[in-house]
């Protein structure tokens, strides 16, 4: 059970990392465009 929870957390971290890498530049460009 502990291993399963650990695996789920690592998956969440991986998804979050992918989201940050893909959305980061868009958010920065949007912030620069707004300001």
PDB file of N, CA and C in Angstrom:
ATOM      1  N   UNK A   1       0.842  -1.205   0.000  1.00  0.00           N
ATOM      2  CA  UNK A   1       0.000   0.000   0.000  1.00  0.00           C
ATOM      3  C   UNK A   1       0.879   1.258   0.000  1.00  0.00           C
ATOM      4  N   UNK A   2       1.933   1.222   0.796  1.00  0.00           N
ATOM      5  CA  UNK A   2       2.832   2.376   0.856  1.00  0.00           C
ATOM      6  C   UNK A   2       3.489   2.603  -0.501  1.00  0.00           C
ATOM      7  N   UNK A   3       3.904   1.489  -1.134  1.00  0.00           N
ATOM      8  CA  UNK A   3       4.551   1.607  -2.442  1.00  0.00           C
ATOM      9  C   UNK A   3       3.573   2.172  -3.465  1.00  0.00           C
ATOM     10  N   UNK A   4       2.307   1.756  -3.363  1.00  0.00           N
ATOM     11  CA  UNK A   4       1.305   2.238  -4.317  1.00  0.00           C
ATOM     12  C   UNK A   4       1.114   3.744  -4.151  1.00  0.00           C
ATOM     13  N   UNK A   5       1.020   4.197  -2.907  1.00  0.00           N
ATOM     14  CA  UNK A   5       0.858   5.630  -2.656  1.00  0.00           C
ATOM     15  C   UNK A   5       2.074   6.399  -3.156  1.00  0.00           C
ATOM     16  N   UNK A   6       3.255   5.846  -2.914  1.00  0.00           N
ATOM     17  CA  UNK A   6       4.491   6.483  -3.370  1.00  0.00           C
ATOM     18  C   UNK A   6       4.496   6.600  -4.887  1.00  0.00           C
ATOM     19  N   UNK A   7       4.040   5.539  -5.555  1.00  0.00           N
ATOM     20  CA  UNK A   7       4.007   5.538  -7.014  1.00  0.00           C
ATOM     21  C   UNK A   7       3.041   6.610  -7.512  1.00  0.00           C
ATOM     22  N   UNK A   8       1.915   6.734  -6.844  1.00  0.00           N
ATOM     23  CA  UNK A   8       0.925   7.737  -7.241  1.00  0.00           C
ATOM     24  C   UNK A   8       1.500   9.139  -7.085  1.00  0.00           C
ATOM     25  N   UNK A   9       2.220   9.373  -5.996  1.00  0.00           N
ATOM     26  CA  UNK A   9       2.801  10.701  -5.779  1.00  0.00           C
ATOM     27  C   UNK A   9       3.863  11.025  -6.819  1.00  0.00           C
ATOM     28  N   UNK A  10       4.657  10.008  -7.186  1.00  0.00           N
ATOM     29  CA  UNK A  10       5.696  10.243  -8.198  1.00  0.00           C
ATOM     30  C   UNK A  10       5.045  10.544  -9.542  1.00  0.00           C
ATOM     31  N   UNK A  11       3.914   9.887  -9.814  1.00  0.00           N
ATOM     32  CA  UNK A  11       3.190  10.148 -11.063  1.00  0.00           C
ATOM     33  C   UNK A  11       2.653  11.577 -11.059  1.00  0.00           C
ATOM     34  N   UNK A  12       2.098  12.010  -9.927  1.00  0.00           N
ATOM     35  CA  UNK A  12       1.576  13.376  -9.818  1.00  0.00           C
ATOM     36  C   UNK A  12       2.692  14.389 -10.016  1.00  0.00           C
ATOM     37  N   UNK A  13       3.847  14.110  -9.413  1.00  0.00           N
ATOM     38  CA  UNK A  13       4.985  15.023  -9.549  1.00  0.00           C
ATOM     39  C   UNK A  13       5.427  15.106 -11.005  1.00  0.00           C
ATOM     40  N   UNK A  14       5.407  13.944 -11.689  1.00  0.00           N
ATOM     41  CA  UNK A  14       5.822  13.929 -13.097  1.00  0.00           C
ATOM     42  C   UNK A  14       4.844  14.732 -13.944  1.00  0.00           C
ATOM     43  N   UNK A  15       3.552  14.558 -13.701  1.00  0.00           N
ATOM     44  CA  UNK A  15       2.534  15.300 -14.455  1.00  0.00           C
ATOM     45  C   UNK A  15       2.677  16.793 -14.194  1.00  0.00           C
ATOM     46  N   UNK A  16       2.898  17.151 -12.932  1.00  0.00           N
ATOM     47  CA  UNK A  16       3.043  18.565 -12.576  1.00  0.00           C
ATOM     48  C   UNK A  16       4.267  19.156 -13.269  1.00  0.00           C
ATOM     49  N   UNK A  17       5.349  18.392 -13.321  1.00  0.00           N
ATOM     50  CA  UNK A  17       6.572  18.867 -13.976  1.00  0.00           C
ATOM     51  C   UNK A  17       6.323  19.110 -15.462  1.00  0.00           C
ATOM     52  N   UNK A  18       5.613  18.173 -16.107  1.00  0.00           N
ATOM     53  CA  UNK A  18       5.305  18.330 -17.535  1.00  0.00           C
ATOM     54  C   UNK A  18       4.436  19.562 -17.751  1.00  0.00           C
ATOM     55  N   UNK A  19       3.446  19.758 -16.882  1.00  0.00           N
ATOM     56  CA  UNK A  19       2.554  20.916 -17.008  1.00  0.00           C
ATOM     57  C   UNK A  19       3.340  22.214 -16.866  1.00  0.00           C
ATOM     58  N   UNK A  20       4.241  22.265 -15.886  1.00  0.00           N
ATOM     59  CA  UNK A  20       5.046  23.476 -15.670  1.00  0.00           C
ATOM     60  C   UNK A  20       5.936  23.753 -16.874  1.00  0.00           C
ATOM     61  N   UNK A  21       6.547  22.689 -17.413  1.00  0.00           N
ATOM     62  CA  UNK A  21       7.451  22.872 -18.557  1.00  0.00           C
ATOM     63  C   UNK A  21       6.688  23.361 -19.780  1.00  0.00           C
ATOM     64  N   UNK A  22       5.481  22.839 -19.990  1.00  0.00           N
ATOM     65  CA  UNK A  22       4.723  23.209 -21.188  1.00  0.00           C
ATOM     66  C   UNK A  22       3.987  24.533 -21.003  1.00  0.00           C
ATOM     67  N   UNK A  23       3.469  24.791 -19.808  1.00  0.00           N
ATOM     68  CA  UNK A  23       2.664  25.989 -19.586  1.00  0.00           C
ATOM     69  C   UNK A  23       3.504  27.185 -19.150  1.00  0.00           C
ATOM     70  N   UNK A  24       4.686  26.934 -18.605  1.00  0.00           N
ATOM     71  CA  UNK A  24       5.540  28.014 -18.116  1.00  0.00           C
ATOM     72  C   UNK A  24       5.779  29.115 -19.133  1.00  0.00           C
ATOM     73  N   UNK A  25       6.307  28.787 -20.318  1.00  0.00           N
ATOM     74  CA  UNK A  25       6.559  29.816 -21.338  1.00  0.00           C
ATOM     75  C   UNK A  25       5.294  30.558 -21.743  1.00  0.00           C
ATOM     76  N   UNK A  26       4.176  29.850 -21.847  1.00  0.00           N
ATOM     77  CA  UNK A  26       2.914  30.506 -22.231  1.00  0.00           C
ATOM     78  C   UNK A  26       2.476  31.489 -21.156  1.00  0.00           C
ATOM     79  N   UNK A  27       2.609  31.092 -19.883  1.00  0.00           N
ATOM     80  CA  UNK A  27       2.231  31.984 -18.783  1.00  0.00           C
ATOM     81  C   UNK A  27       3.139  33.208 -18.762  1.00  0.00           C
ATOM     82  N   UNK A  28       4.434  32.999 -18.981  1.00  0.00           N
ATOM     83  CA  UNK A  28       5.384  34.110 -18.994  1.00  0.00           C
ATOM     84  C   UNK A  28       5.076  35.059 -20.147  1.00  0.00           C
ATOM     85  N   UNK A  29       4.792  34.512 -21.315  1.00  0.00           N
ATOM     86  CA  UNK A  29       4.472  35.346 -22.474  1.00  0.00           C
ATOM     87  C   UNK A  29       3.182  36.120 -22.237  1.00  0.00           C
ATOM     88  N   UNK A  30       2.200  35.463 -21.620  1.00  0.00           N
ATOM     89  CA  UNK A  30       0.933  36.134 -21.338  1.00  0.00           C
ATOM     90  C   UNK A  30       1.128  37.258 -20.331  1.00  0.00           C
ATOM     91  N   UNK A  31       1.917  36.997 -19.286  1.00  0.00           N
ATOM     92  CA  UNK A  31       2.185  38.026 -18.282  1.00  0.00           C
ATOM     93  C   UNK A  31       2.918  39.207 -18.912  1.00  0.00           C
ATOM     94  N   UNK A  32       3.869  38.929 -19.806  1.00  0.00           N
ATOM     95  CA  UNK A  32       4.610  39.995 -20.480  1.00  0.00           C
ATOM     96  C   UNK A  32       3.681  40.778 -21.399  1.00  0.00           C
ATOM     97  N   UNK A  33       2.761  40.084 -22.060  1.00  0.00           N
ATOM     98  CA  UNK A  33       1.828  40.733 -22.982  1.00  0.00           C
ATOM     99  C   UNK A  33       0.856  41.629 -22.220  1.00  0.00           C
ATOM    100  N   UNK A  34       0.399  41.154 -21.062  1.00  0.00           N
ATOM    101  CA  UNK A  34      -0.549  41.941 -20.265  1.00  0.00           C
ATOM    102  C   UNK A  34       0.131  43.189 -19.707  1.00  0.00           C
ATOM    103  N   UNK A  35       1.351  43.028 -19.231  1.00  0.00           N
ATOM    104  CA  UNK A  35       2.061  44.170 -18.651  1.00  0.00           C
ATOM    105  C   UNK A  35       2.804  44.919 -19.744  1.00  0.00           C
TER     106      UNK A  35
END
